[in-house]
Structures are given as structure tokens and as C-alpha cells.
Amino acid sequence: MLDLNVAADIEQSLMRKGHPLFKDGSVYSNLYTGGAAESSFCASSLG
């Protein structure tokens, strides 16, 4: 996941397939946000 745009594209694809794992939560330092309300340092949201 060195390409942030690729991480964002993959996350969008996963979000269309089901319920976000972290919908009402938060996530820190991960590849994907998982639909979290608050996310910090996630590759898919940096690009």
C-alpha cells in the first residue's frame, strides 16, 4: 500500500460490499478507515 490512491480505491470498493466495521468508532494508524467517524494516519484517507 505504498500508493495512497490505491488504498483509497480498495477501501471504496470494500465499503460498497458491506457494513463499515468501525462506523461509529475511531481508528489510528491503519491502511483503511473502516468507515470510522474519526480516523488519523490512515493510508486510504491521506491521499
Protein backbone atom coordinates (compact mmCIF):
# COMPACT_ATOMS: atom_id res chain seq x y z
CA MET A 1 0.00 0.00 0.00
CA LEU A 2 2.69 2.47 -0.97
CA ASP A 3 0.25 4.21 -3.32
CA LEU A 4 -2.31 6.10 -1.24
CA ASN A 5 -4.75 6.35 -4.15
CA VAL A 6 -4.79 2.57 -4.49
CA ALA A 7 -5.58 2.21 -0.78
CA ALA A 8 -8.45 4.69 -1.16
CA ASP A 9 -9.81 2.83 -4.21
CA ILE A 10 -9.70 -0.51 -2.42
CA GLU A 11 -11.43 0.92 0.64
CA GLN A 12 -14.21 2.41 -1.51
CA SER A 13 -14.70 -0.97 -3.15
CA LEU A 14 -14.93 -2.70 0.24
CA MET A 15 -17.35 -0.09 1.61
CA ARG A 16 -19.78 -0.81 -1.24
CA LYS A 17 -19.84 -4.50 -0.31
CA GLY A 18 -20.95 -4.33 3.31
CA HIS A 19 -21.38 -2.59 6.64
CA PRO A 20 -18.36 -0.50 7.79
CA LEU A 21 -16.58 -2.24 10.66
CA PHE A 22 -15.77 0.96 12.58
CA LYS A 23 -18.85 3.01 11.61
CA ASP A 24 -19.33 4.86 14.92
CA GLY A 25 -15.79 4.43 16.24
CA SER A 26 -12.30 5.66 15.56
CA VAL A 27 -9.12 4.27 14.05
CA TYR A 28 -5.46 5.28 14.29
CA SER A 29 -2.53 4.35 12.03
CA ASN A 30 -4.08 1.80 9.69
CA LEU A 31 -4.36 1.14 5.96
CA TYR A 32 -8.12 1.70 5.90
CA THR A 33 -10.52 3.83 7.95
CA GLY A 34 -13.17 1.10 8.09
CA GLY A 35 -15.82 3.82 7.90
CA ALA A 36 -14.77 5.28 11.27
CA ALA A 37 -16.20 8.63 12.32
CA GLU A 38 -12.68 9.71 13.31
CA SER A 39 -9.51 8.45 11.62
CA SER A 40 -5.89 9.52 11.96
CA PHE A 41 -2.90 8.48 9.86
CA CYS A 42 -4.76 6.00 7.63
CA ALA A 43 -3.32 5.43 4.16
CA SER A 44 -6.69 5.45 2.42
CA SER A 45 -7.57 8.91 3.75
CA LEU A 46 -4.15 10.57 3.33
CA GLY A 47 -4.18 10.50 -0.47
